[in-house]
Amino acid sequence: MTNYEAGLVRLAVFVFGASLGSFLGAAAYRVPNGMSVIRPRSHCPACGHPLMPVDLVPVLSYIWRKGRCGYCGQPFSVRYMVIETVTAIVTLLLFLRYGFTFCFLLYLTLSGLAILLAAIDLEHHRLPNVLTLFGIGAGLLFNLIWEAVGGAAVTFYPTAEWQGVWYGAFIDPHIWGKYEVLAPHFSILDSLLGILTGGGILWLMAVASRGGVGGGDIKYLAAIGSFIGPGAVLSVLFTGALLGGTFSLLMLFFGRLKWKQPIPFGPFLSAGVLIVALIG
């Protein structure tokens, strides 16, 4: 493939990502309001006028219309352009990282879900069950397909690597280097363990903090675990907690946040997902 052809492919991937972001932006408005993501067709939330194809070109239409409806002049939320831009960039980076592979499709689905849930949690401070439960099911399905086509040789009893990990924990710590514990692993067993690990840890934290962790966060981390397994979900949780803690301290320092004032954790988990997907 020539450089010109490679550039066209990357441009097509970027445009596809922006189009996916357009769908996610609409879903971020519709899902919390109990609306279908398919019907009715895209329209202005203020005047209800259906949007024409020229109004739906990702990013460019927003810039051309200066962020306003072309029929009533009411401003659109900037979140639409932000979601479209972020999704386009993430899609291109995932393609550059993985190519057209199983990992690309899996991480694109998970990243799209992460971007959507982050947008909803930022605005509404909740993570809808319909999305988190969809994520759990989608993660299981991806891993089932991957295992069914021979992409993973997995048994439902401890593998030699896992046995080595437990052996190393007590006898020979150097054995840990033979199994990438925190790396993503794709199989039905890893998916189930990811659900239990992600959801279980936050559930225990919710019990210990007497409600300090929301049920949506528990199901969201379980969904993340269903995609990437128990080890990688710990990487996401650690990254999200580090980002969330740093953000909270900065907001407290500058007086933008009160002590014990709750902040949505979903966006930080989503940031952890994107970091692990791109560089993990």
Protein backbone atom coordinates (compact mmCIF):
# COMPACT_ATOMS: atom_id res chain seq x y z
CA MET A 1 0.00 0.00 0.00
CA THR A 2 1.39 3.39 -1.01
CA ASN A 3 1.54 6.35 1.36
CA TYR A 4 -1.30 7.95 -0.60
CA GLU A 5 -3.50 4.88 -0.22
CA ALA A 6 -2.63 4.59 3.47
CA GLY A 7 -3.57 8.23 3.94
CA LEU A 8 -6.94 7.66 2.28
CA VAL A 9 -7.62 4.68 4.53
CA ARG A 10 -6.77 6.71 7.62
CA LEU A 11 -8.96 9.57 6.43
CA ALA A 12 -11.83 7.13 5.91
CA VAL A 13 -11.31 5.73 9.41
CA PHE A 14 -11.31 9.26 10.86
CA VAL A 15 -14.54 10.13 9.03
CA PHE A 16 -16.10 6.87 10.22
CA GLY A 17 -15.08 7.74 13.78
CA ALA A 18 -16.62 11.19 13.48
CA SER A 19 -19.85 9.64 12.18
CA LEU A 20 -19.84 7.22 15.10
CA GLY A 21 -19.32 10.21 17.38
CA SER A 22 -22.35 11.89 15.83
CA PHE A 23 -24.44 8.87 16.78
CA LEU A 24 -22.97 8.86 20.30
CA GLY A 25 -23.72 12.57 20.70
CA ALA A 26 -27.36 11.99 19.80
CA ALA A 27 -27.51 8.99 22.14
CA ALA A 28 -26.06 11.09 24.98
CA TYR A 29 -29.14 13.31 24.66
CA ARG A 30 -31.73 10.64 23.93
CA VAL A 31 -30.92 7.80 26.33
CA PRO A 32 -31.18 9.82 29.59
CA ASN A 33 -34.49 11.23 28.35
CA GLY A 34 -35.93 7.78 27.65
CA MET A 35 -35.95 8.25 23.88
CA SER A 36 -35.11 5.74 21.17
CA VAL A 37 -31.68 6.18 19.60
CA ILE A 38 -33.18 5.37 16.19
CA ARG A 39 -36.53 7.19 15.98
CA PRO A 40 -37.56 9.89 15.44
CA ARG A 41 -34.94 11.19 13.02
CA SER A 42 -32.43 13.78 14.19
CA HIS A 43 -34.07 17.10 14.99
CA CYS A 44 -33.45 20.34 16.86
CA PRO A 45 -34.24 19.85 20.58
CA ALA A 46 -35.58 23.42 20.76
CA CYS A 47 -37.87 23.79 17.72
CA GLY A 48 -38.23 20.15 16.72
CA HIS A 49 -37.37 20.83 13.05
CA PRO A 50 -35.85 17.74 11.38
CA LEU A 51 -32.18 18.18 10.56
CA MET A 52 -31.21 17.85 6.91
CA PRO A 53 -28.11 15.94 5.73
CA VAL A 54 -26.19 19.22 5.43
CA ASP A 55 -26.86 19.78 9.15
CA LEU A 56 -25.50 16.38 10.13
CA VAL A 57 -21.94 16.46 8.78
CA PRO A 58 -19.86 15.66 11.88
CA VAL A 59 -17.87 18.59 13.32
CA LEU A 60 -18.10 20.68 10.12
CA SER A 61 -21.84 21.35 10.38
CA TYR A 62 -21.41 22.57 13.94
CA ILE A 63 -18.64 24.95 12.89
CA TRP A 64 -20.51 26.13 9.79
CA ARG A 65 -23.70 26.80 11.76
CA LYS A 66 -21.65 28.39 14.56
CA GLY A 67 -23.14 25.94 17.01
CA ARG A 68 -26.73 27.00 16.34
CA CYS A 69 -29.81 25.51 14.75
CA GLY A 70 -30.16 26.72 11.17
CA TYR A 71 -33.94 26.99 11.54
CA CYS A 72 -34.62 28.61 14.92
CA GLY A 73 -31.19 29.97 15.86
CA GLN A 74 -31.08 28.27 19.26
CA PRO A 75 -27.59 27.10 20.30
CA PHE A 76 -26.68 23.42 20.28
CA SER A 77 -24.69 22.00 23.18
CA VAL A 78 -20.96 21.99 22.50
CA ARG A 79 -20.92 18.37 23.66
CA TYR A 80 -21.96 17.26 20.17
CA MET A 81 -18.79 18.61 18.54
CA VAL A 82 -16.61 17.45 21.45
CA ILE A 83 -17.96 13.89 21.28
CA GLU A 84 -17.59 13.77 17.49
CA THR A 85 -14.01 15.07 17.62
CA VAL A 86 -12.89 12.83 20.48
CA THR A 87 -14.48 9.74 18.92
CA ALA A 88 -12.87 10.45 15.55
CA ILE A 89 -9.42 10.85 17.12
CA VAL A 90 -9.79 7.77 19.32
CA THR A 91 -11.01 5.67 16.37
CA LEU A 92 -8.03 6.69 14.26
CA LEU A 93 -5.57 6.04 17.10
CA LEU A 94 -7.08 2.61 17.74
CA PHE A 95 -6.75 1.81 14.04
CA LEU A 96 -3.12 2.91 14.02
CA ARG A 97 -2.52 0.81 17.15
CA TYR A 98 -4.30 -2.40 16.12
CA GLY A 99 -5.23 -2.21 12.42
CA PHE A 100 -8.40 -3.96 11.23
CA THR A 101 -8.28 -6.68 13.89
CA PHE A 102 -10.43 -8.20 16.59
CA CYS A 103 -8.79 -5.92 19.16
CA PHE A 104 -9.72 -2.88 17.08
CA LEU A 105 -13.40 -3.85 16.99
CA LEU A 106 -13.48 -4.75 20.68
CA TYR A 107 -11.73 -1.61 21.84
CA LEU A 108 -13.74 0.58 19.48
CA THR A 109 -16.98 -0.77 20.96
CA LEU A 110 -15.70 -0.35 24.52
CA SER A 111 -14.30 3.12 23.81
CA GLY A 112 -17.56 4.25 22.20
CA LEU A 113 -19.46 3.05 25.26
CA ALA A 114 -16.93 4.81 27.50
CA ILE A 115 -17.29 8.12 25.66
CA LEU A 116 -21.09 7.89 25.74
CA LEU A 117 -21.25 7.07 29.45
CA ALA A 118 -18.75 9.80 30.31
CA ALA A 119 -20.88 12.39 28.50
CA ILE A 120 -24.06 11.24 30.26
CA ASP A 121 -22.45 11.04 33.70
CA LEU A 122 -20.96 14.52 33.38
CA GLU A 123 -24.35 16.05 32.60
CA HIS A 124 -26.79 13.87 34.52
CA HIS A 125 -24.61 12.28 37.24
CA ARG A 126 -25.90 8.81 36.45
CA LEU A 127 -24.98 5.82 34.33
CA PRO A 128 -28.10 4.31 32.72
CA ASN A 129 -28.64 0.58 33.31
CA VAL A 130 -29.54 0.07 29.66
CA LEU A 131 -25.98 1.03 28.68
CA THR A 132 -24.01 -0.65 31.48
CA LEU A 133 -25.94 -3.91 31.11
CA PHE A 134 -25.52 -3.70 27.33
CA GLY A 135 -21.79 -3.35 27.96
CA ILE A 136 -21.69 -6.49 30.09
CA GLY A 137 -23.51 -8.46 27.41
CA ALA A 138 -21.40 -7.05 24.58
CA GLY A 139 -18.16 -7.87 26.37
CA LEU A 140 -19.28 -11.45 26.94
CA LEU A 141 -20.33 -11.76 23.29
CA PHE A 142 -17.01 -10.45 21.97
CA ASN A 143 -15.08 -12.92 24.10
CA LEU A 144 -17.42 -15.78 23.17
CA ILE A 145 -16.87 -15.09 19.46
CA TRP A 146 -13.13 -14.73 19.94
CA GLU A 147 -12.92 -18.06 21.70
CA ALA A 148 -15.30 -19.77 19.25
CA VAL A 149 -13.14 -18.89 16.24
CA GLY A 150 -10.02 -20.18 17.94
CA GLY A 151 -8.61 -16.83 18.95
CA ALA A 152 -7.94 -17.98 22.50
CA ALA A 153 -6.97 -21.36 23.84
CA VAL A 154 -8.64 -21.31 27.23
CA THR A 155 -9.86 -23.97 29.60
CA PHE A 156 -12.17 -23.61 32.57
CA TYR A 157 -9.54 -24.68 35.05
CA PRO A 158 -6.39 -22.77 36.06
CA THR A 159 -3.91 -22.60 33.20
CA ALA A 160 -0.22 -23.28 33.68
CA GLU A 161 0.43 -19.53 33.71
CA TRP A 162 -2.16 -18.92 36.44
CA GLN A 163 -0.82 -21.85 38.44
CA GLY A 164 2.60 -20.29 38.04
CA VAL A 165 1.31 -16.98 39.36
CA TRP A 166 -0.01 -18.57 42.54
CA TYR A 167 3.16 -20.63 42.86
CA GLY A 168 5.23 -17.50 42.46
CA ALA A 169 3.23 -15.61 45.07
CA PHE A 170 4.38 -18.01 47.76
CA ILE A 171 7.55 -19.71 46.54
CA ASP A 172 9.25 -18.00 43.58
CA PRO A 173 8.23 -14.35 43.00
CA HIS A 174 10.24 -14.26 39.75
CA ILE A 175 7.56 -16.43 38.10
CA TRP A 176 5.28 -13.36 38.03
CA GLY A 177 7.16 -12.09 35.02
CA LYS A 178 5.90 -15.02 32.93
CA TYR A 179 2.26 -13.87 33.02
CA GLU A 180 1.14 -10.34 32.24
CA VAL A 181 -1.34 -10.09 35.09
CA LEU A 182 -2.57 -6.58 34.31
CA ALA A 183 -2.74 -7.05 30.54
CA PRO A 184 -6.03 -7.60 28.67
CA HIS A 185 -6.98 -11.24 28.13
CA PHE A 186 -9.81 -12.39 25.88
CA SER A 187 -11.82 -15.52 26.70
CA ILE A 188 -15.14 -16.37 28.32
CA LEU A 189 -13.36 -17.21 31.55
CA ASP A 190 -11.48 -13.91 31.56
CA SER A 191 -14.70 -12.05 30.73
CA LEU A 192 -16.55 -13.63 33.65
CA LEU A 193 -13.62 -13.00 35.98
CA GLY A 194 -13.48 -9.42 34.74
CA ILE A 195 -17.14 -8.90 35.61
CA LEU A 196 -16.64 -10.34 39.09
CA THR A 197 -13.42 -8.41 39.68
CA GLY A 198 -14.61 -5.04 38.41
CA GLY A 199 -18.08 -5.17 39.89
CA GLY A 200 -16.97 -6.94 43.04
CA ILE A 201 -14.28 -4.46 44.03
CA LEU A 202 -16.53 -1.43 43.66
CA TRP A 203 -19.38 -3.26 45.40
CA LEU A 204 -17.10 -3.90 48.39
CA MET A 205 -16.06 -0.24 48.33
CA ALA A 206 -19.72 0.80 48.24
CA VAL A 207 -20.46 -1.36 51.28
CA ALA A 208 -17.40 -0.11 53.16
CA SER A 209 -18.16 3.55 52.37
CA ARG A 210 -21.90 3.12 53.01
CA GLY A 211 -23.00 4.29 49.61
CA GLY A 212 -19.92 6.26 48.59
CA VAL A 213 -19.86 4.39 45.28
CA GLY A 214 -22.90 4.42 43.03
CA GLY A 215 -24.55 1.35 41.57
CA GLY A 216 -23.96 2.68 38.08
CA ASP A 217 -20.21 2.78 38.68
CA ILE A 218 -20.31 -0.83 39.90
CA LYS A 219 -22.09 -2.05 36.77
CA TYR A 220 -19.91 0.13 34.53
CA LEU A 221 -16.66 -1.35 35.86
CA ALA A 222 -18.20 -4.82 35.55
CA ALA A 223 -18.94 -4.01 31.90
CA ILE A 224 -15.34 -2.91 31.37
CA GLY A 225 -14.15 -6.15 32.95
CA SER A 226 -16.38 -8.18 30.65
CA PHE A 227 -14.46 -6.78 27.67
CA ILE A 228 -10.85 -6.94 28.86
CA GLY A 229 -10.66 -9.36 31.78
CA PRO A 230 -9.73 -9.15 35.47
CA GLY A 231 -6.19 -7.84 35.22
CA ALA A 232 -6.80 -5.03 32.77
CA VAL A 233 -9.91 -3.88 34.62
CA LEU A 234 -7.69 -3.30 37.64
CA SER A 235 -5.46 -1.12 35.45
CA VAL A 236 -8.54 0.88 34.41
CA LEU A 237 -9.68 1.24 38.02
CA PHE A 238 -6.24 2.34 39.21
CA THR A 239 -5.89 4.85 36.37
CA GLY A 240 -9.40 6.22 36.90
CA ALA A 241 -8.89 6.52 40.65
CA LEU A 242 -5.56 8.29 40.14
CA LEU A 243 -7.07 10.76 37.68
CA GLY A 244 -10.17 11.29 39.82
CA GLY A 245 -8.13 11.80 42.97
CA THR A 246 -5.79 14.27 41.28
CA PHE A 247 -8.73 16.21 39.83
CA SER A 248 -10.49 16.35 43.20
CA LEU A 249 -7.38 17.61 44.99
CA LEU A 250 -6.87 20.33 42.41
CA MET A 251 -10.52 21.41 42.61
CA LEU A 252 -10.31 21.50 46.42
CA PHE A 253 -7.09 23.51 46.27
CA PHE A 254 -8.63 26.12 43.97
CA GLY A 255 -11.88 26.23 45.93
CA ARG A 256 -14.01 24.80 43.10
CA LEU A 257 -15.06 21.77 45.13
CA LYS A 258 -16.25 21.36 48.70
CA TRP A 259 -15.00 18.65 51.03
CA LYS A 260 -17.03 15.43 50.63
CA GLN A 261 -18.88 16.91 47.64
CA PRO A 262 -19.53 13.98 45.27
CA ILE A 263 -18.18 14.04 41.74
CA PRO A 264 -19.07 11.63 38.91
CA PHE A 265 -16.57 8.79 38.71
CA GLY A 266 -17.72 7.53 35.30
CA PRO A 267 -15.67 10.01 33.24
CA PHE A 268 -12.48 8.99 35.04
CA LEU A 269 -13.20 5.30 34.45
CA SER A 270 -13.77 6.20 30.79
CA ALA A 271 -10.42 7.99 30.68
CA GLY A 272 -8.85 4.86 32.16
CA VAL A 273 -10.47 2.76 29.43
CA LEU A 274 -9.06 4.97 26.67
CA ILE A 275 -5.58 4.99 28.20
CA VAL A 276 -5.49 1.20 28.60
CA ALA A 277 -6.92 0.70 25.10
CA LEU A 278 -4.37 2.97 23.46
CA ILE A 279 -1.19 2.30 25.41
CA GLY A 280 -1.94 -0.62 27.71
